[in-house]
Amino acid sequence: MRQGAIDLNLLVWMGLSASVKRDSTAIVACARDDSTKRVRLIWHRIFQPSPKDPLDFERTIEATLIELKSRFKVREIRFDPYQLVAVAQRLRGAGLPMVEFPQSVPNLTEASTNLFELIKGCNLTAYPDADIRLAISRAVALETSRGWRIAKEKASHKIDVVVALAMAALGAVRGSREPSALVRLREDVLERVGERCGAPSAQPAAPAVDATATLTQGFAEETNDMRVARFFREQEAEERRSRRAP
């Protein structure tokens, strides 16, 4: 397990590439460093199972991710649901932001191309690590009509940490461009309220002195679902804590 110099105020995206018996399982954490405009590798860990000693996901992967959530501001944990459905359900129940990222050709191509462009443009900052260096030396970039895709030269080579890195790096790049979930929900609720009041969706029906409270109340009353209101309160509190953090 390795990590780089960490600014605990950085928002973190993670990639999880898992195998039970043969290939390695890897967790990689990346962040978007606004001061350098680069993606930073800040933490990783590789687990190596075997046919005789399969990986116990609950004691290894789940325990590790829960511990990481207490250390970092984790925005997403991207994973291939192929072998991790039950794991993801338990982790979501523990409050972790699990995001399905099937290792389909389009997804792998997008993640691989993003990683390739980051490396080519010197926009990926990483700490030295022998295991990552070995995995990268065994990975090859296949050019397809859609872009680049990570593959390995030999079936026995373990490159899961590179795949997890690509997933995490894509999350960090996307996350820096996309509005937060709170912003997206606010916009959606504002549109709904505007439509109910007969106002154009791009214009609020009335000036919002406390927009979050007003829209939360309106949406909760309309749907009778208090989970939405609770989500707004929790996210708003998290944003306030983030702004106060030194």
Protein backbone atom coordinates (compact mmCIF):
# COMPACT_ATOMS: atom_id res chain seq x y z
CA MET A 1 0.00 0.00 0.00
CA ARG A 2 1.39 3.37 -0.99
CA GLN A 3 0.28 6.93 -0.90
CA GLY A 4 1.64 10.29 -1.90
CA ALA A 5 1.71 13.58 -0.03
CA ILE A 6 -1.95 14.19 0.77
CA ASP A 7 -3.95 17.37 1.03
CA LEU A 8 -7.01 16.15 2.92
CA ASN A 9 -9.10 18.94 1.36
CA LEU A 10 -8.80 17.38 -2.09
CA LEU A 11 -11.87 15.68 -3.47
CA VAL A 12 -11.09 12.05 -4.28
CA TRP A 13 -12.31 9.66 -6.95
CA MET A 14 -11.52 5.96 -6.74
CA GLY A 15 -11.30 3.04 -9.13
CA LEU A 16 -11.80 -0.57 -8.08
CA SER A 17 -10.79 -3.45 -10.37
CA ALA A 18 -11.52 -6.77 -8.71
CA SER A 19 -10.84 -10.48 -9.11
CA VAL A 20 -11.57 -13.30 -6.68
CA LYS A 21 -9.03 -16.00 -7.58
CA ARG A 22 -6.57 -15.18 -10.36
CA ASP A 23 -6.03 -11.58 -11.44
CA SER A 24 -5.03 -9.01 -8.88
CA THR A 25 -7.53 -6.67 -7.26
CA ALA A 26 -6.61 -3.00 -7.06
CA ILE A 27 -7.96 0.15 -5.45
CA VAL A 28 -6.65 3.48 -6.72
CA ALA A 29 -7.48 6.97 -5.47
CA CYS A 30 -6.99 10.09 -7.58
CA ALA A 31 -7.71 13.76 -7.08
CA ARG A 32 -7.88 16.82 -9.30
CA ASP A 33 -5.31 19.33 -8.05
CA ASP A 34 -6.67 22.75 -8.98
CA SER A 35 -3.37 24.45 -8.16
CA THR A 36 -1.51 22.50 -10.86
CA LYS A 37 -4.51 21.56 -13.06
CA ARG A 38 -3.31 17.96 -12.94
CA VAL A 39 -4.73 14.65 -11.80
CA ARG A 40 -2.83 13.27 -8.81
CA LEU A 41 -2.42 9.67 -7.78
CA ILE A 42 -2.72 9.90 -4.00
CA TRP A 43 -3.21 6.30 -2.82
CA HIS A 44 -3.37 2.72 -4.07
CA ARG A 45 -3.36 -0.84 -2.85
CA ILE A 46 -3.05 -4.16 -4.70
CA PHE A 47 -4.41 -7.49 -3.42
CA GLN A 48 -3.20 -10.72 -5.01
CA PRO A 49 -5.57 -13.71 -4.57
CA SER A 50 -4.89 -17.25 -5.73
CA PRO A 51 -7.04 -20.32 -6.50
CA LYS A 52 -6.05 -21.78 -3.12
CA ASP A 53 -6.43 -18.49 -1.27
CA PRO A 54 -9.32 -16.52 -2.83
CA LEU A 55 -9.93 -12.96 -1.80
CA ASP A 56 -12.39 -12.33 1.01
CA PHE A 57 -14.00 -9.13 -0.27
CA GLU A 58 -15.71 -8.27 3.00
CA ARG A 59 -12.52 -8.45 5.07
CA THR A 60 -10.27 -6.80 2.49
CA ILE A 61 -11.99 -4.61 -0.12
CA GLU A 62 -14.95 -3.50 1.98
CA ALA A 63 -12.90 -2.87 5.10
CA THR A 64 -10.32 -0.90 3.12
CA LEU A 65 -12.89 1.32 1.37
CA ILE A 66 -14.75 2.04 4.60
CA GLU A 67 -11.48 3.07 6.23
CA LEU A 68 -10.60 5.29 3.25
CA LYS A 69 -13.96 7.05 3.48
CA SER A 70 -13.00 8.18 6.98
CA ARG A 71 -9.72 9.63 5.67
CA PHE A 72 -10.66 11.25 2.36
CA LYS A 73 -13.47 13.29 0.85
CA VAL A 74 -14.56 10.50 -1.48
CA ARG A 75 -16.83 11.62 -4.31
CA GLU A 76 -17.11 8.36 -6.28
CA ILE A 77 -15.89 4.78 -6.16
CA ARG A 78 -16.11 3.39 -9.68
CA PHE A 79 -16.34 -0.36 -10.03
CA ASP A 80 -17.23 -3.12 -12.48
CA PRO A 81 -20.42 -4.72 -11.11
CA TYR A 82 -19.57 -8.12 -12.61
CA GLN A 83 -18.37 -9.63 -9.32
CA LEU A 84 -19.23 -6.84 -6.91
CA VAL A 85 -23.02 -6.52 -6.74
CA ALA A 86 -23.32 -7.73 -3.13
CA VAL A 87 -20.21 -5.80 -2.12
CA ALA A 88 -21.59 -2.58 -3.62
CA GLN A 89 -24.93 -3.04 -1.88
CA ARG A 90 -23.27 -3.37 1.51
CA LEU A 91 -20.97 -0.43 0.89
CA ARG A 92 -23.84 1.79 -0.27
CA GLY A 93 -25.59 0.85 2.96
CA ALA A 94 -22.49 2.09 4.79
CA GLY A 95 -22.74 5.42 2.98
CA LEU A 96 -20.08 4.95 0.31
CA PRO A 97 -20.70 6.52 -3.13
CA MET A 98 -20.47 3.40 -5.28
CA VAL A 99 -20.82 4.07 -9.04
CA GLU A 100 -21.17 1.23 -11.54
CA PHE A 101 -18.63 1.38 -14.36
CA PRO A 102 -18.93 -1.86 -16.37
CA GLN A 103 -15.73 -2.77 -18.19
CA SER A 104 -17.44 -2.59 -21.57
CA VAL A 105 -15.54 -1.58 -24.69
CA PRO A 106 -16.91 2.02 -24.67
CA ASN A 107 -16.13 2.52 -20.97
CA LEU A 108 -12.66 1.00 -21.15
CA THR A 109 -11.90 3.01 -24.27
CA GLU A 110 -12.96 6.28 -22.66
CA ALA A 111 -11.01 5.60 -19.46
CA SER A 112 -7.95 4.37 -21.36
CA THR A 113 -7.94 7.31 -23.76
CA ASN A 114 -8.26 9.75 -20.88
CA LEU A 115 -5.32 8.14 -19.07
CA PHE A 116 -3.25 8.11 -22.26
CA GLU A 117 -3.92 11.82 -22.83
CA LEU A 118 -3.08 12.67 -19.22
CA ILE A 119 0.25 10.85 -19.44
CA LYS A 120 1.09 12.23 -22.87
CA GLY A 121 0.33 15.77 -21.74
CA CYS A 122 2.29 15.36 -18.47
CA ASN A 123 -0.92 16.03 -16.57
CA LEU A 124 -0.75 13.01 -14.26
CA THR A 125 1.29 13.31 -11.08
CA ALA A 126 2.26 10.02 -9.42
CA TYR A 127 4.59 8.87 -6.66
CA PRO A 128 7.23 6.21 -7.43
CA ASP A 129 6.06 2.64 -6.90
CA ALA A 130 7.61 -0.58 -8.21
CA ASP A 131 4.31 -2.47 -8.55
CA ILE A 132 2.65 0.27 -10.58
CA ARG A 133 5.75 0.64 -12.73
CA LEU A 134 5.75 -3.11 -13.45
CA ALA A 135 2.02 -3.14 -14.27
CA ILE A 136 2.39 -0.19 -16.63
CA SER A 137 5.36 -1.85 -18.35
CA ARG A 138 3.14 -4.88 -19.00
CA ALA A 139 0.19 -2.87 -20.26
CA VAL A 140 -0.19 -1.96 -23.91
CA ALA A 141 -2.30 0.72 -25.52
CA LEU A 142 -4.38 -0.60 -28.41
CA GLU A 143 -5.59 2.06 -30.83
CA THR A 144 -9.16 1.45 -31.98
CA SER A 145 -11.61 3.42 -34.07
CA ARG A 146 -13.02 4.87 -30.83
CA GLY A 147 -9.69 5.68 -29.18
CA TRP A 148 -7.11 3.92 -27.04
CA ARG A 149 -7.83 0.85 -24.92
CA ILE A 150 -5.70 -0.73 -22.18
CA ALA A 151 -4.76 -4.36 -22.73
CA LYS A 152 -1.98 -6.72 -21.64
CA GLU A 153 0.64 -8.54 -23.69
CA LYS A 154 0.26 -11.85 -21.83
CA ALA A 155 -2.72 -13.37 -20.03
CA SER A 156 -0.58 -13.95 -16.94
CA HIS A 157 0.31 -10.28 -16.55
CA LYS A 158 -1.44 -8.34 -13.81
CA ILE A 159 -2.54 -4.87 -14.90
CA ASP A 160 -5.60 -4.35 -12.71
CA VAL A 161 -3.94 -1.42 -10.95
CA VAL A 162 -3.61 0.33 -14.33
CA VAL A 163 -7.30 -0.27 -15.07
CA ALA A 164 -8.25 1.04 -11.62
CA LEU A 165 -6.02 4.07 -12.19
CA ALA A 166 -7.75 4.77 -15.50
CA MET A 167 -11.17 4.57 -13.84
CA ALA A 168 -10.17 6.85 -10.98
CA ALA A 169 -8.46 9.37 -13.27
CA LEU A 170 -11.51 9.56 -15.51
CA GLY A 171 -13.67 10.24 -12.45
CA ALA A 172 -11.34 13.03 -11.36
CA VAL A 173 -11.38 14.64 -14.81
CA ARG A 174 -15.14 14.33 -15.21
CA GLY A 175 -15.81 15.43 -11.66
CA SER A 176 -13.89 18.67 -12.14
CA ARG A 177 -16.07 19.51 -15.14
CA GLU A 178 -19.49 18.45 -13.87
CA PRO A 179 -21.62 20.28 -11.32
CA SER A 180 -22.04 18.61 -7.96
CA ALA A 181 -25.01 16.36 -7.27
CA LEU A 182 -26.48 19.11 -5.09
CA VAL A 183 -26.26 21.64 -7.91
CA ARG A 184 -27.85 19.22 -10.38
CA LEU A 185 -30.71 18.45 -8.01
CA ARG A 186 -31.25 22.13 -7.27
CA GLU A 187 -31.50 22.82 -10.99
CA ASP A 188 -33.94 19.94 -11.47
CA VAL A 189 -36.14 21.06 -8.57
CA LEU A 190 -36.06 24.66 -9.77
CA GLU A 191 -37.29 23.52 -13.16
CA ARG A 192 -40.13 21.52 -11.59
CA VAL A 193 -41.20 24.42 -9.39
CA GLY A 194 -41.07 26.80 -12.31
CA GLU A 195 -43.25 24.51 -14.41
CA ARG A 196 -45.83 24.21 -11.63
CA CYS A 197 -45.98 27.97 -11.27
CA GLY A 198 -46.32 28.52 -15.01
CA ALA A 199 -42.95 30.18 -15.30
CA PRO A 200 -40.31 29.30 -17.93
CA SER A 201 -38.03 26.55 -16.69
CA ALA A 202 -34.97 28.79 -16.94
CA GLN A 203 -36.53 31.40 -14.63
CA PRO A 204 -37.55 30.90 -11.00
CA ALA A 205 -41.15 31.74 -10.18
CA ALA A 206 -40.07 34.15 -7.44
CA PRO A 207 -36.83 35.46 -5.92
CA ALA A 208 -35.43 32.86 -3.58
CA VAL A 209 -34.27 34.33 -0.29
CA ASP A 210 -33.35 30.83 0.89
CA ALA A 211 -33.40 28.85 -2.35
CA THR A 212 -32.34 25.54 -0.90
CA ALA A 213 -34.94 25.56 1.89
CA THR A 214 -37.74 26.77 -0.40
CA LEU A 215 -37.07 24.29 -3.18
CA THR A 216 -36.51 21.43 -0.77
CA GLN A 217 -39.86 22.05 0.90
CA GLY A 218 -41.68 22.35 -2.41
CA PHE A 219 -40.20 19.18 -3.88
CA ALA A 220 -40.68 17.18 -0.68
CA GLU A 221 -44.34 18.21 -0.48
CA GLU A 222 -44.93 17.35 -4.12
CA THR A 223 -43.35 13.89 -3.92
CA ASN A 224 -44.02 13.16 -0.25
CA ASP A 225 -40.48 11.81 -0.10
CA MET A 226 -38.52 13.27 2.79
CA ARG A 227 -35.33 11.56 1.65
CA VAL A 228 -34.88 14.34 -0.89
CA ALA A 229 -35.08 16.99 1.80
CA ARG A 230 -32.62 15.06 3.96
CA PHE A 231 -30.24 14.77 1.01
CA PHE A 232 -30.25 18.54 0.52
CA ARG A 233 -29.57 19.18 4.18
CA GLU A 234 -26.71 16.69 4.36
CA GLN A 235 -25.09 17.92 1.16
CA GLU A 236 -25.42 21.57 2.17
CA ALA A 237 -23.84 20.80 5.55
CA GLU A 238 -20.99 18.98 3.80
CA GLU A 239 -20.37 21.95 1.52
CA ARG A 240 -20.30 24.31 4.51
CA ARG A 241 -17.75 22.06 6.26
CA SER A 242 -15.63 21.97 3.11
CA ARG A 243 -15.59 25.75 2.86
CA ARG A 244 -14.62 26.11 6.52
CA ALA A 245 -11.80 23.57 6.29
CA PRO A 246 -8.34 25.24 6.37
